[in-house]
Amino acid sequence: MWKWGVENGLHWTLYVTFSEDACGVRTGHAPQNLALLRRIAL
């Protein structure tokens, strides 16, 4: 149960800090690469 709280907190932080929903990157490998960079930056 604790793991889900950490995971949800991480996703919430990514959405709020980096505005992931507003990002227009949707094609090819770019979304996955950008997600990795965001996690490293966080």
C-alpha atoms as a PDB file:
ATOM      1  CA  MET A   1       0.000   0.000   0.000  1.00  0.00           C
ATOM      2  CA  TRP A   2       2.859   2.400   0.821  1.00  0.00           C
ATOM      3  CA  LYS A   3       4.323   1.930  -2.667  1.00  0.00           C
ATOM      4  CA  TRP A   4       1.156   3.240  -4.304  1.00  0.00           C
ATOM      5  CA  GLY A   5       1.276   6.390  -2.195  1.00  0.00           C
ATOM      6  CA  VAL A   6       4.858   7.078  -3.260  1.00  0.00           C
ATOM      7  CA  GLU A   7       4.042   6.339  -6.902  1.00  0.00           C
ATOM      8  CA  ASN A   8       0.950   8.578  -6.873  1.00  0.00           C
ATOM      9  CA  GLY A   9       2.906  11.351  -5.169  1.00  0.00           C
ATOM     10  CA  LEU A  10       5.608  11.135  -7.849  1.00  0.00           C
ATOM     11  CA  HIS A  11       3.086  11.362 -10.684  1.00  0.00           C
ATOM     12  CA  TRP A  12       1.266  14.260  -9.033  1.00  0.00           C
ATOM     13  CA  THR A  13       4.558  16.128  -8.588  1.00  0.00           C
ATOM     14  CA  LEU A  14       5.506  15.524 -12.228  1.00  0.00           C
ATOM     15  CA  TYR A  15       2.135  16.771 -13.478  1.00  0.00           C
ATOM     16  CA  VAL A  16       2.189  19.886 -11.338  1.00  0.00           C
ATOM     17  CA  THR A  17       5.868  20.785 -11.681  1.00  0.00           C
ATOM     18  CA  PHE A  18       6.370  20.025 -15.372  1.00  0.00           C
ATOM     19  CA  SER A  19       2.764  20.417 -16.630  1.00  0.00           C
ATOM     20  CA  GLU A  20       2.954  17.018 -18.328  1.00  0.00           C
ATOM     21  CA  ASP A  21      -0.650  17.179 -19.524  1.00  0.00           C
ATOM     22  CA  ALA A  22       0.017  20.402 -21.422  1.00  0.00           C
ATOM     23  CA  CYS A  23       3.078  19.026 -23.199  1.00  0.00           C
ATOM     24  CA  GLY A  24       2.600  18.667 -26.952  1.00  0.00           C
ATOM     25  CA  VAL A  25       5.197  15.915 -27.407  1.00  0.00           C
ATOM     26  CA  ARG A  26       3.219  12.891 -28.615  1.00  0.00           C
ATOM     27  CA  THR A  27       5.075  11.074 -31.396  1.00  0.00           C
ATOM     28  CA  GLY A  28       7.944   8.626 -31.688  1.00  0.00           C
ATOM     29  CA  HIS A  29      10.245   8.058 -28.735  1.00  0.00           C
ATOM     30  CA  ALA A  30      10.084  11.679 -27.606  1.00  0.00           C
ATOM     31  CA  PRO A  31       7.413  11.227 -24.871  1.00  0.00           C
ATOM     32  CA  GLN A  32       9.329   8.396 -23.201  1.00  0.00           C
ATOM     33  CA  ASN A  33      12.649  10.250 -23.443  1.00  0.00           C
ATOM     34  CA  LEU A  34      11.139  13.423 -22.019  1.00  0.00           C
ATOM     35  CA  ALA A  35       9.495  11.485 -19.156  1.00  0.00           C
ATOM     36  CA  LEU A  36      12.869   9.984 -18.257  1.00  0.00           C
ATOM     37  CA  LEU A  37      14.534  13.409 -18.265  1.00  0.00           C
ATOM     38  CA  ARG A  38      11.789  14.802 -16.046  1.00  0.00           C
ATOM     39  CA  ARG A  39      12.233  11.995 -13.520  1.00  0.00           C
ATOM     40  CA  ILE A  40      15.990  12.569 -13.465  1.00  0.00           C
ATOM     41  CA  ALA A  41      15.477  16.311 -12.973  1.00  0.00           C
ATOM     42  CA  LEU A  42      12.997  15.709 -10.168  1.00  0.00           C
END
